């Protein structure tokens, strides 16, 4: 089971990628809602690392910076969260 903060980060990635497995976005694009508070920013960073470790989010290196996208499992959980 994923935590509430992990759900928030996963939903943010889902919205940034328009619930697509083939879309990849840089971290600032989907983490901007957590930048106002230092504690939220650190918690969001930890949640992102946890989601990557669990296989819900994938990292894609590009020339400019690292981009992130959803895996099949991440997309399924995201859709289920958004239904409720």
PDB file of N, CA and C in Angstrom:
ATOM      1  N   UNK A   1       0.848  -1.187   0.000  1.00  0.00           N
ATOM      2  CA  UNK A   1       0.000   0.000   0.000  1.00  0.00           C
ATOM      3  C   UNK A   1       0.886   1.240   0.000  1.00  0.00           C
ATOM      4  N   UNK A   2       0.493   2.220  -0.737  1.00  0.00           N
ATOM      5  CA  UNK A   2       1.292   3.440  -0.804  1.00  0.00           C
ATOM      6  C   UNK A   2       0.708   4.498   0.137  1.00  0.00           C
ATOM      7  N   UNK A   3       1.590   5.370   0.618  1.00  0.00           N
ATOM      8  CA  UNK A   3       1.162   6.393   1.575  1.00  0.00           C
ATOM      9  C   UNK A   3       0.374   7.497   0.861  1.00  0.00           C
ATOM     10  N   UNK A   4      -0.239   8.342   1.657  1.00  0.00           N
ATOM     11  CA  UNK A   4      -1.025   9.448   1.096  1.00  0.00           C
ATOM     12  C   UNK A   4      -0.141  10.417   0.320  1.00  0.00           C
ATOM     13  N   UNK A   5       1.062  10.674   0.822  1.00  0.00           N
ATOM     14  CA  UNK A   5       1.946  11.608   0.123  1.00  0.00           C
ATOM     15  C   UNK A   5       2.438  10.998  -1.179  1.00  0.00           C
ATOM     16  N   UNK A   6       2.681   9.688  -1.184  1.00  0.00           N
ATOM     17  CA  UNK A   6       3.055   9.008  -2.436  1.00  0.00           C
ATOM     18  C   UNK A   6       1.918   9.095  -3.442  1.00  0.00           C
ATOM     19  N   UNK A   7       0.691   8.994  -2.952  1.00  0.00           N
ATOM     20  CA  UNK A   7      -0.466   9.140  -3.846  1.00  0.00           C
ATOM     21  C   UNK A   7      -0.497  10.533  -4.469  1.00  0.00           C
ATOM     22  N   UNK A   8      -0.210  11.562  -3.655  1.00  0.00           N
ATOM     23  CA  UNK A   8      -0.203  12.929  -4.179  1.00  0.00           C
ATOM     24  C   UNK A   8       0.847  13.109  -5.269  1.00  0.00           C
ATOM     25  N   UNK A   9       2.037  12.557  -5.044  1.00  0.00           N
ATOM     26  CA  UNK A   9       3.103  12.663  -6.043  1.00  0.00           C
ATOM     27  C   UNK A   9       2.726  11.873  -7.290  1.00  0.00           C
ATOM     28  N   UNK A  10       2.169  10.681  -7.118  1.00  0.00           N
ATOM     29  CA  UNK A  10       1.767   9.865  -8.264  1.00  0.00           C
ATOM     30  C   UNK A  10       0.676  10.554  -9.074  1.00  0.00           C
ATOM     31  N   UNK A  11      -0.292  11.163  -8.419  1.00  0.00           N
ATOM     32  CA  UNK A  11      -1.351  11.893  -9.117  1.00  0.00           C
ATOM     33  C   UNK A  11      -0.763  13.087  -9.856  1.00  0.00           C
ATOM     34  N   UNK A  12       0.202  13.755  -9.247  1.00  0.00           N
ATOM     35  CA  UNK A  12       0.853  14.885  -9.907  1.00  0.00           C
ATOM     36  C   UNK A  12       1.564  14.436 -11.186  1.00  0.00           C
ATOM     37  N   UNK A  13       2.226  13.289 -11.133  1.00  0.00           N
ATOM     38  CA  UNK A  13       2.889  12.752 -12.325  1.00  0.00           C
ATOM     39  C   UNK A  13       1.853  12.339 -13.361  1.00  0.00           C
ATOM     40  N   UNK A  14       0.756  11.738 -12.909  1.00  0.00           N
ATOM     41  CA  UNK A  14      -0.316  11.330 -13.830  1.00  0.00           C
ATOM     42  C   UNK A  14      -0.868  12.531 -14.593  1.00  0.00           C
ATOM     43  N   UNK A  15      -1.108  13.597 -13.876  1.00  0.00           N
ATOM     44  CA  UNK A  15      -1.650  14.793 -14.522  1.00  0.00           C
ATOM     45  C   UNK A  15      -0.635  15.416 -15.465  1.00  0.00           C
ATOM     46  N   UNK A  16       0.638  15.402 -15.082  1.00  0.00           N
ATOM     47  CA  UNK A  16       1.682  15.985 -15.925  1.00  0.00           C
ATOM     48  C   UNK A  16       1.859  15.197 -17.221  1.00  0.00           C
ATOM     49  N   UNK A  17       1.644  13.884 -17.154  1.00  0.00           N
ATOM     50  CA  UNK A  17       1.806  13.042 -18.337  1.00  0.00           C
ATOM     51  C   UNK A  17       0.479  12.761 -19.041  1.00  0.00           C
ATOM     52  N   UNK A  18      -0.597  13.369 -18.563  1.00  0.00           N
ATOM     53  CA  UNK A  18      -1.945  13.119 -19.116  1.00  0.00           C
ATOM     54  C   UNK A  18      -2.283  11.635 -19.109  1.00  0.00           C
ATOM     55  N   UNK A  19      -1.962  10.964 -18.003  1.00  0.00           N
ATOM     56  CA  UNK A  19      -2.171   9.526 -17.787  1.00  0.00           C
ATOM     57  C   UNK A  19      -1.702   8.695 -18.972  1.00  0.00           C
ATOM     58  N   UNK A  20      -0.484   8.948 -19.380  1.00  0.00           N
ATOM     59  CA  UNK A  20       0.121   8.224 -20.500  1.00  0.00           C
ATOM     60  C   UNK A  20       1.424   7.577 -20.055  1.00  0.00           C
ATOM     61  N   UNK A  21       1.648   6.324 -20.472  1.00  0.00           N
ATOM     62  CA  UNK A  21       2.901   5.652 -20.160  1.00  0.00           C
ATOM     63  C   UNK A  21       4.040   6.156 -21.034  1.00  0.00           C
ATOM     64  N   UNK A  22       3.734   6.686 -22.184  1.00  0.00           N
ATOM     65  CA  UNK A  22       4.784   7.089 -23.114  1.00  0.00           C
ATOM     66  C   UNK A  22       5.292   8.510 -22.888  1.00  0.00           C
ATOM     67  N   UNK A  23       4.627   9.286 -22.052  1.00  0.00           N
ATOM     68  CA  UNK A  23       5.054  10.663 -21.781  1.00  0.00           C
ATOM     69  C   UNK A  23       6.045  10.683 -20.621  1.00  0.00           C
ATOM     70  N   UNK A  24       7.044  11.543 -20.733  1.00  0.00           N
ATOM     71  CA  UNK A  24       8.052  11.713 -19.680  1.00  0.00           C
ATOM     72  C   UNK A  24       8.252  13.197 -19.446  1.00  0.00           C
ATOM     73  N   UNK A  25       8.300  13.576 -18.173  1.00  0.00           N
ATOM     74  CA  UNK A  25       8.465  14.989 -17.821  1.00  0.00           C
ATOM     75  C   UNK A  25       9.603  15.156 -16.834  1.00  0.00           C
ATOM     76  N   UNK A  26      10.287  16.303 -16.885  1.00  0.00           N
ATOM     77  CA  UNK A  26      11.317  16.583 -15.883  1.00  0.00           C
ATOM     78  C   UNK A  26      10.682  16.828 -14.509  1.00  0.00           C
ATOM     79  N   UNK A  27      11.447  16.594 -13.476  1.00  0.00           N
ATOM     80  CA  UNK A  27      10.952  16.694 -12.100  1.00  0.00           C
ATOM     81  C   UNK A  27      10.311  18.038 -11.774  1.00  0.00           C
ATOM     82  N   UNK A  28      10.895  19.178 -12.162  1.00  0.00           N
ATOM     83  CA  UNK A  28      10.257  20.457 -11.796  1.00  0.00           C
ATOM     84  C   UNK A  28       8.842  20.614 -12.356  1.00  0.00           C
ATOM     85  N   UNK A  29       8.542  19.931 -13.442  1.00  0.00           N
ATOM     86  CA  UNK A  29       7.232  20.059 -14.069  1.00  0.00           C
ATOM     87  C   UNK A  29       6.115  19.514 -13.180  1.00  0.00           C
ATOM     88  N   UNK A  30       6.361  18.386 -12.505  1.00  0.00           N
ATOM     89  CA  UNK A  30       5.293  17.801 -11.677  1.00  0.00           C
ATOM     90  C   UNK A  30       5.515  18.010 -10.178  1.00  0.00           C
ATOM     91  N   UNK A  31       6.683  18.528  -9.780  1.00  0.00           N
ATOM     92  CA  UNK A  31       6.948  18.753  -8.359  1.00  0.00           C
ATOM     93  C   UNK A  31       6.713  20.203  -7.948  1.00  0.00           C
ATOM     94  N   UNK A  32       6.274  21.048  -8.861  1.00  0.00           N
ATOM     95  CA  UNK A  32       6.134  22.468  -8.546  1.00  0.00           C
ATOM     96  C   UNK A  32       5.112  22.746  -7.452  1.00  0.00           C
ATOM     97  N   UNK A  33       4.117  21.887  -7.290  1.00  0.00           N
ATOM     98  CA  UNK A  33       3.118  22.123  -6.245  1.00  0.00           C
ATOM     99  C   UNK A  33       3.659  21.853  -4.845  1.00  0.00           C
ATOM    100  N   UNK A  34       4.826  21.197  -4.751  1.00  0.00           N
ATOM    101  CA  UNK A  34       5.426  20.891  -3.451  1.00  0.00           C
ATOM    102  C   UNK A  34       6.590  21.825  -3.118  1.00  0.00           C
ATOM    103  N   UNK A  35       6.854  22.839  -3.922  1.00  0.00           N
ATOM    104  CA  UNK A  35       8.030  23.687  -3.750  1.00  0.00           C
ATOM    105  C   UNK A  35       7.843  24.798  -2.718  1.00  0.00           C
ATOM    106  N   UNK A  36       6.644  25.081  -2.282  1.00  0.00           N
ATOM    107  CA  UNK A  36       6.402  26.190  -1.355  1.00  0.00           C
ATOM    108  C   UNK A  36       6.912  25.928   0.054  1.00  0.00           C
ATOM    109  N   UNK A  37       6.915  24.691   0.471  1.00  0.00           N
ATOM    110  CA  UNK A  37       7.268  24.335   1.836  1.00  0.00           C
ATOM    111  C   UNK A  37       8.469  23.386   1.807  1.00  0.00           C
ATOM    112  N   UNK A  38       9.479  23.683   2.593  1.00  0.00           N
ATOM    113  CA  UNK A  38      10.701  22.871   2.620  1.00  0.00           C
ATOM    114  C   UNK A  38      10.402  21.428   3.031  1.00  0.00           C
ATOM    115  N   UNK A  39       9.532  21.248   4.017  1.00  0.00           N
ATOM    116  CA  UNK A  39       9.202  19.908   4.501  1.00  0.00           C
ATOM    117  C   UNK A  39       8.415  19.125   3.456  1.00  0.00           C
ATOM    118  N   UNK A  40       7.503  19.796   2.767  1.00  0.00           N
ATOM    119  CA  UNK A  40       6.750  19.132   1.693  1.00  0.00           C
ATOM    120  C   UNK A  40       7.673  18.729   0.558  1.00  0.00           C
ATOM    121  N   UNK A  41       8.628  19.591   0.222  1.00  0.00           N
ATOM    122  CA  UNK A  41       9.559  19.306  -0.863  1.00  0.00           C
ATOM    123  C   UNK A  41      10.383  18.062  -0.544  1.00  0.00           C
ATOM    124  N   UNK A  42      10.881  17.974   0.695  1.00  0.00           N
ATOM    125  CA  UNK A  42      11.669  16.807   1.088  1.00  0.00           C
ATOM    126  C   UNK A  42      10.811  15.538   1.123  1.00  0.00           C
ATOM    127  N   UNK A  43       9.593  15.660   1.613  1.00  0.00           N
ATOM    128  CA  UNK A  43       8.688  14.506   1.647  1.00  0.00           C
ATOM    129  C   UNK A  43       8.341  14.057   0.233  1.00  0.00           C
ATOM    130  N   UNK A  44       8.168  15.004  -0.682  1.00  0.00           N
ATOM    131  CA  UNK A  44       7.862  14.665  -2.074  1.00  0.00           C
ATOM    132  C   UNK A  44       9.054  13.976  -2.733  1.00  0.00           C
ATOM    133  N   UNK A  45      10.265  14.419  -2.417  1.00  0.00           N
ATOM    134  CA  UNK A  45      11.478  13.769  -2.949  1.00  0.00           C
ATOM    135  C   UNK A  45      11.560  12.323  -2.459  1.00  0.00           C
ATOM    136  N   UNK A  46      11.303  12.122  -1.173  1.00  0.00           N
ATOM    137  CA  UNK A  46      11.323  10.761  -0.620  1.00  0.00           C
ATOM    138  C   UNK A  46      10.231   9.905  -1.238  1.00  0.00           C
ATOM    139  N   UNK A  47       9.044  10.481  -1.433  1.00  0.00           N
ATOM    140  CA  UNK A  47       7.936   9.739  -2.037  1.00  0.00           C
ATOM    141  C   UNK A  47       8.280   9.354  -3.472  1.00  0.00           C
ATOM    142  N   UNK A  48       8.914  10.263  -4.214  1.00  0.00           N
ATOM    143  CA  UNK A  48       9.304   9.956  -5.590  1.00  0.00           C
ATOM    144  C   UNK A  48      10.304   8.806  -5.621  1.00  0.00           C
ATOM    145  N   UNK A  49      11.289   8.832  -4.736  1.00  0.00           N
ATOM    146  CA  UNK A  49      12.257   7.739  -4.681  1.00  0.00           C
ATOM    147  C   UNK A  49      11.586   6.419  -4.322  1.00  0.00           C
ATOM    148  N   UNK A  50      10.624   6.465  -3.429  1.00  0.00           N
ATOM    149  CA  UNK A  50       9.887   5.261  -3.051  1.00  0.00           C
ATOM    150  C   UNK A  50       9.070   4.720  -4.223  1.00  0.00           C
ATOM    151  N   UNK A  51       8.427   5.630  -4.972  1.00  0.00           N
ATOM    152  CA  UNK A  51       7.636   5.200  -6.132  1.00  0.00           C
ATOM    153  C   UNK A  51       8.522   4.585  -7.205  1.00  0.00           C
ATOM    154  N   UNK A  52       9.730   5.119  -7.370  1.00  0.00           N
ATOM    155  CA  UNK A  52      10.679   4.546  -8.332  1.00  0.00           C
ATOM    156  C   UNK A  52      11.106   3.160  -7.868  1.00  0.00           C
ATOM    157  N   UNK A  53      11.416   3.028  -6.577  1.00  0.00           N
ATOM    158  CA  UNK A  53      11.855   1.746  -6.024  1.00  0.00           C
ATOM    159  C   UNK A  53      10.769   0.679  -6.129  1.00  0.00           C
ATOM    160  N   UNK A  54       9.519   1.080  -5.990  1.00  0.00           N
ATOM    161  CA  UNK A  54       8.406   0.127  -6.077  1.00  0.00           C
ATOM    162  C   UNK A  54       8.016  -0.205  -7.513  1.00  0.00           C
ATOM    163  N   UNK A  55       8.562   0.532  -8.465  1.00  0.00           N
ATOM    164  CA  UNK A  55       8.297   0.234  -9.871  1.00  0.00           C
ATOM    165  C   UNK A  55       7.081   0.939 -10.438  1.00  0.00           C
ATOM    166  N   UNK A  56       6.610   1.985  -9.780  1.00  0.00           N
ATOM    167  CA  UNK A  56       5.452   2.730 -10.278  1.00  0.00           C
ATOM    168  C   UNK A  56       5.851   3.896 -11.184  1.00  0.00           C
ATOM    169  N   UNK A  57       7.073   4.370 -11.008  1.00  0.00           N
ATOM    170  CA  UNK A  57       7.595   5.488 -11.799  1.00  0.00           C
ATOM    171  C   UNK A  57       8.944   5.060 -12.359  1.00  0.00           C
ATOM    172  N   UNK A  58       9.201   5.433 -13.610  1.00  0.00           N
ATOM    173  CA  UNK A  58      10.487   5.109 -14.222  1.00  0.00           C
ATOM    174  C   UNK A  58      11.267   6.380 -14.515  1.00  0.00           C
ATOM    175  N   UNK A  59      12.597   6.256 -14.467  1.00  0.00           N
ATOM    176  CA  UNK A  59      13.487   7.373 -14.770  1.00  0.00           C
ATOM    177  C   UNK A  59      13.996   7.201 -16.200  1.00  0.00           C
ATOM    178  N   UNK A  60      14.081   8.316 -16.930  1.00  0.00           N
ATOM    179  CA  UNK A  60      14.576   8.307 -18.301  1.00  0.00           C
ATOM    180  C   UNK A  60      15.622   9.404 -18.456  1.00  0.00           C
ATOM    181  N   UNK A  61      16.887   9.011 -18.618  1.00  0.00           N
ATOM    182  CA  UNK A  61      17.906  10.043 -18.792  1.00  0.00           C
ATOM    183  C   UNK A  61      17.788  10.696 -20.176  1.00  0.00           C
ATOM    184  N   UNK A  62      17.908  11.992 -20.208  1.00  0.00           N
ATOM    185  CA  UNK A  62      17.927  12.730 -21.476  1.00  0.00           C
ATOM    186  C   UNK A  62      19.165  13.618 -21.468  1.00  0.00           C
ATOM    187  N   UNK A  63      19.404  14.323 -22.543  1.00  0.00           N
ATOM    188  CA  UNK A  63      20.581  15.191 -22.611  1.00  0.00           C
ATOM    189  C   UNK A  63      20.553  16.286 -21.561  1.00  0.00           C
ATOM    190  N   UNK A  64      19.429  16.929 -21.408  1.00  0.00           N
ATOM    191  CA  UNK A  64      19.343  18.068 -20.500  1.00  0.00           C
ATOM    192  C   UNK A  64      19.194  17.678 -19.049  1.00  0.00           C
ATOM    193  N   UNK A  65      18.272  16.774 -18.744  1.00  0.00           N
ATOM    194  CA  UNK A  65      18.008  16.402 -17.359  1.00  0.00           C
ATOM    195  C   UNK A  65      17.268  15.079 -17.314  1.00  0.00           C
ATOM    196  N   UNK A  66      17.106  14.566 -16.130  1.00  0.00           N
ATOM    197  CA  UNK A  66      16.389  13.317 -15.936  1.00  0.00           C
ATOM    198  C   UNK A  66      14.887  13.572 -16.090  1.00  0.00           C
ATOM    199  N   UNK A  67      14.203  12.689 -16.789  1.00  0.00           N
ATOM    200  CA  UNK A  67      12.749  12.793 -16.899  1.00  0.00           C
ATOM    201  C   UNK A  67      12.131  11.556 -16.254  1.00  0.00           C
ATOM    202  N   UNK A  68      10.861  11.689 -15.898  1.00  0.00           N
ATOM    203  CA  UNK A  68      10.163  10.633 -15.180  1.00  0.00           C
ATOM    204  C   UNK A  68       8.843  10.328 -15.872  1.00  0.00           C
ATOM    205  N   UNK A  69       8.464   9.058 -15.865  1.00  0.00           N
ATOM    206  CA  UNK A  69       7.206   8.652 -16.467  1.00  0.00           C
ATOM    207  C   UNK A  69       6.573   7.528 -15.670  1.00  0.00           C
ATOM    208  N   UNK A  70       5.371   7.190 -16.028  1.00  0.00           N
ATOM    209  CA  UNK A  70       4.646   6.123 -15.342  1.00  0.00           C
ATOM    210  C   UNK A  70       4.973   4.769 -15.940  1.00  0.00           C
ATOM    211  N   UNK A  71       4.985   3.754 -15.101  1.00  0.00           N
ATOM    212  CA  UNK A  71       5.065   2.377 -15.584  1.00  0.00           C
ATOM    213  C   UNK A  71       3.630   1.858 -15.699  1.00  0.00           C
ATOM    214  N   UNK A  72       3.469   0.653 -16.171  1.00  0.00           N
ATOM    215  CA  UNK A  72       2.136   0.063 -16.276  1.00  0.00           C
ATOM    216  C   UNK A  72       1.448  -0.044 -14.931  1.00  0.00           C
ATOM    217  N   UNK A  73       2.193  -0.480 -13.911  1.00  0.00           N
ATOM    218  CA  UNK A  73       1.632  -0.590 -12.558  1.00  0.00           C
ATOM    219  C   UNK A  73       1.264   0.776 -12.001  1.00  0.00           C
ATOM    220  N   UNK A  74       2.133   1.762 -12.232  1.00  0.00           N
ATOM    221  CA  UNK A  74       1.868   3.114 -11.761  1.00  0.00           C
ATOM    222  C   UNK A  74       0.635   3.706 -12.411  1.00  0.00           C
ATOM    223  N   UNK A  75       0.477   3.451 -13.697  1.00  0.00           N
ATOM    224  CA  UNK A  75      -0.696   3.945 -14.422  1.00  0.00           C
ATOM    225  C   UNK A  75      -1.974   3.304 -13.894  1.00  0.00           C
ATOM    226  N   UNK A  76      -1.927   2.007 -13.616  1.00  0.00           N
ATOM    227  CA  UNK A  76      -3.105   1.311 -13.086  1.00  0.00           C
ATOM    228  C   UNK A  76      -3.509   1.874 -11.716  1.00  0.00           C
ATOM    229  N   UNK A  77      -2.537   2.095 -10.840  1.00  0.00           N
ATOM    230  CA  UNK A  77      -2.842   2.643  -9.521  1.00  0.00           C
ATOM    231  C   UNK A  77      -3.365   4.063  -9.649  1.00  0.00           C
ATOM    232  N   UNK A  78      -2.760   4.830 -10.529  1.00  0.00           N
ATOM    233  CA  UNK A  78      -3.190   6.216 -10.732  1.00  0.00           C
ATOM    234  C   UNK A  78      -4.645   6.269 -11.195  1.00  0.00           C
ATOM    235  N   UNK A  79      -4.989   5.439 -12.137  1.00  0.00           N
ATOM    236  CA  UNK A  79      -6.373   5.420 -12.633  1.00  0.00           C
ATOM    237  C   UNK A  79      -7.341   5.008 -11.534  1.00  0.00           C
ATOM    238  N   UNK A  80      -6.927   4.055 -10.701  1.00  0.00           N
ATOM    239  CA  UNK A  80      -7.791   3.614  -9.611  1.00  0.00           C
ATOM    240  C   UNK A  80      -7.987   4.736  -8.581  1.00  0.00           C
ATOM    241  N   UNK A  81      -6.911   5.470  -8.277  1.00  0.00           N
ATOM    242  CA  UNK A  81      -6.992   6.579  -7.326  1.00  0.00           C
ATOM    243  C   UNK A  81      -7.912   7.665  -7.880  1.00  0.00           C
ATOM    244  N   UNK A  82      -7.776   7.967  -9.143  1.00  0.00           N
ATOM    245  CA  UNK A  82      -8.567   9.036  -9.747  1.00  0.00           C
ATOM    246  C   UNK A  82     -10.048   8.662  -9.881  1.00  0.00           C
ATOM    247  N   UNK A  83     -10.369   7.358  -9.903  1.00  0.00           N
ATOM    248  CA  UNK A  83     -11.773   6.931  -9.969  1.00  0.00           C
ATOM    249  C   UNK A  83     -12.515   7.252  -8.676  1.00  0.00           C
ATOM    250  N   UNK A  84     -11.808   7.136  -7.553  1.00  0.00           N
ATOM    251  CA  UNK A  84     -12.459   7.286  -6.234  1.00  0.00           C
ATOM    252  C   UNK A  84     -12.490   8.706  -5.800  1.00  0.00           C
TER     253      UNK A  84
END
